[in-house]
Amino acid sequence: MNLFLNYLVVTALLALVLLPAGLGLARERRIDRQLRDAARRDAEPTETESRGAFSQEPHTVVVAQCPLLS
């Protein structure tokens, strides 16, 4: 029984250490997915643009990059 409790304590500590990293990874993936969806939505021409109602050139999508991370 003592061996089982030791394993249980080690597993709980490992989970506590890995929890912040897992939550941060999930948050980063969610933000990346939102940016990717926004870029696709901005890049797709609307119905009126595809019929030639606007004479402007199509918009180019530029993803902003943080200068601290590059």
C-alpha atoms as a PDB file:
ATOM      1  CA  MET A   1       0.000   0.000   0.000  1.00  0.00           C
ATOM      2  CA  ASN A   2       2.863   2.361   0.773  1.00  0.00           C
ATOM      3  CA  LEU A   3       4.353   1.782  -2.699  1.00  0.00           C
ATOM      4  CA  PHE A   4       1.012   2.639  -4.299  1.00  0.00           C
ATOM      5  CA  LEU A   5       0.827   5.926  -2.354  1.00  0.00           C
ATOM      6  CA  ASN A   6       4.372   6.786  -3.428  1.00  0.00           C
ATOM      7  CA  TYR A   7       3.443   6.268  -7.077  1.00  0.00           C
ATOM      8  CA  LEU A   8       0.275   8.279  -6.577  1.00  0.00           C
ATOM      9  CA  VAL A   9       2.199  11.211  -5.064  1.00  0.00           C
ATOM     10  CA  VAL A  10       4.780  11.181  -7.862  1.00  0.00           C
ATOM     11  CA  THR A  11       2.032  11.091 -10.491  1.00  0.00           C
ATOM     12  CA  ALA A  12       0.173  13.975  -8.825  1.00  0.00           C
ATOM     13  CA  LEU A  13       3.333  16.106  -8.648  1.00  0.00           C
ATOM     14  CA  LEU A  14       4.127  15.367 -12.282  1.00  0.00           C
ATOM     15  CA  ALA A  15       0.605  16.415 -13.252  1.00  0.00           C
ATOM     16  CA  LEU A  16       0.948  19.654 -11.281  1.00  0.00           C
ATOM     17  CA  VAL A  17       4.231  20.451 -13.033  1.00  0.00           C
ATOM     18  CA  LEU A  18       2.912  19.683 -16.524  1.00  0.00           C
ATOM     19  CA  LEU A  19      -0.478  21.375 -16.120  1.00  0.00           C
ATOM     20  CA  PRO A  20       0.674  24.978 -16.832  1.00  0.00           C
ATOM     21  CA  ALA A  21       2.591  23.878 -19.914  1.00  0.00           C
ATOM     22  CA  GLY A  22      -0.414  21.966 -21.220  1.00  0.00           C
ATOM     23  CA  LEU A  23      -2.752  24.897 -20.649  1.00  0.00           C
ATOM     24  CA  GLY A  24      -0.318  27.283 -22.360  1.00  0.00           C
ATOM     25  CA  LEU A  25      -0.004  24.963 -25.346  1.00  0.00           C
ATOM     26  CA  ALA A  26      -3.780  24.711 -25.671  1.00  0.00           C
ATOM     27  CA  ARG A  27      -4.083  28.506 -25.497  1.00  0.00           C
ATOM     28  CA  GLU A  28      -1.409  29.007 -28.184  1.00  0.00           C
ATOM     29  CA  ARG A  29      -3.121  26.506 -30.490  1.00  0.00           C
ATOM     30  CA  ARG A  30      -6.464  28.283 -30.009  1.00  0.00           C
ATOM     31  CA  ILE A  31      -4.919  31.668 -30.845  1.00  0.00           C
ATOM     32  CA  ASP A  32      -3.145  30.238 -33.915  1.00  0.00           C
ATOM     33  CA  ARG A  33      -6.431  28.715 -35.120  1.00  0.00           C
ATOM     34  CA  GLN A  34      -8.231  32.046 -34.678  1.00  0.00           C
ATOM     35  CA  LEU A  35      -5.522  33.920 -36.602  1.00  0.00           C
ATOM     36  CA  ARG A  36      -5.570  31.337 -39.398  1.00  0.00           C
ATOM     37  CA  ASP A  37      -9.376  31.538 -39.670  1.00  0.00           C
ATOM     38  CA  ALA A  38      -9.261  35.339 -39.741  1.00  0.00           C
ATOM     39  CA  ALA A  39      -6.621  35.289 -42.475  1.00  0.00           C
ATOM     40  CA  ARG A  40      -8.709  32.902 -44.569  1.00  0.00           C
ATOM     41  CA  ARG A  41     -11.840  34.975 -44.047  1.00  0.00           C
ATOM     42  CA  ASP A  42     -10.051  38.172 -45.109  1.00  0.00           C
ATOM     43  CA  ALA A  43      -8.458  36.504 -48.132  1.00  0.00           C
ATOM     44  CA  GLU A  44     -11.709  35.110 -49.558  1.00  0.00           C
ATOM     45  CA  PRO A  45     -13.466  37.498 -51.940  1.00  0.00           C
ATOM     46  CA  THR A  46     -17.041  38.361 -51.061  1.00  0.00           C
ATOM     47  CA  GLU A  47     -19.885  37.796 -53.505  1.00  0.00           C
ATOM     48  CA  THR A  48     -19.946  41.408 -54.661  1.00  0.00           C
ATOM     49  CA  GLU A  49     -16.172  41.516 -55.125  1.00  0.00           C
ATOM     50  CA  SER A  50     -16.195  38.385 -57.260  1.00  0.00           C
ATOM     51  CA  ARG A  51     -18.790  39.973 -59.600  1.00  0.00           C
ATOM     52  CA  GLY A  52     -16.559  42.963 -60.205  1.00  0.00           C
ATOM     53  CA  ALA A  53     -18.557  45.498 -58.217  1.00  0.00           C
ATOM     54  CA  PHE A  54     -15.339  46.922 -56.789  1.00  0.00           C
ATOM     55  CA  SER A  55     -12.477  48.055 -58.954  1.00  0.00           C
ATOM     56  CA  GLN A  56      -9.863  47.900 -56.190  1.00  0.00           C
ATOM     57  CA  GLU A  57      -7.158  45.301 -56.104  1.00  0.00           C
ATOM     58  CA  PRO A  58      -7.748  42.394 -53.714  1.00  0.00           C
ATOM     59  CA  HIS A  59      -6.516  42.917 -50.196  1.00  0.00           C
ATOM     60  CA  THR A  60      -3.353  41.171 -49.118  1.00  0.00           C
ATOM     61  CA  VAL A  61      -3.274  39.668 -45.665  1.00  0.00           C
ATOM     62  CA  VAL A  62      -0.158  40.321 -43.613  1.00  0.00           C
ATOM     63  CA  VAL A  63       0.181  38.490 -40.328  1.00  0.00           C
ATOM     64  CA  ALA A  64       1.744  40.708 -37.703  1.00  0.00           C
ATOM     65  CA  GLN A  65       4.759  39.270 -35.949  1.00  0.00           C
ATOM     66  CA  CYS A  66       5.951  40.236 -32.523  1.00  0.00           C
ATOM     67  CA  PRO A  67       9.499  41.669 -32.770  1.00  0.00           C
ATOM     68  CA  LEU A  68      10.342  40.249 -29.345  1.00  0.00           C
ATOM     69  CA  LEU A  69       9.710  36.666 -30.497  1.00  0.00           C
ATOM     70  CA  SER A  70      11.728  36.790 -33.715  1.00  0.00           C
END
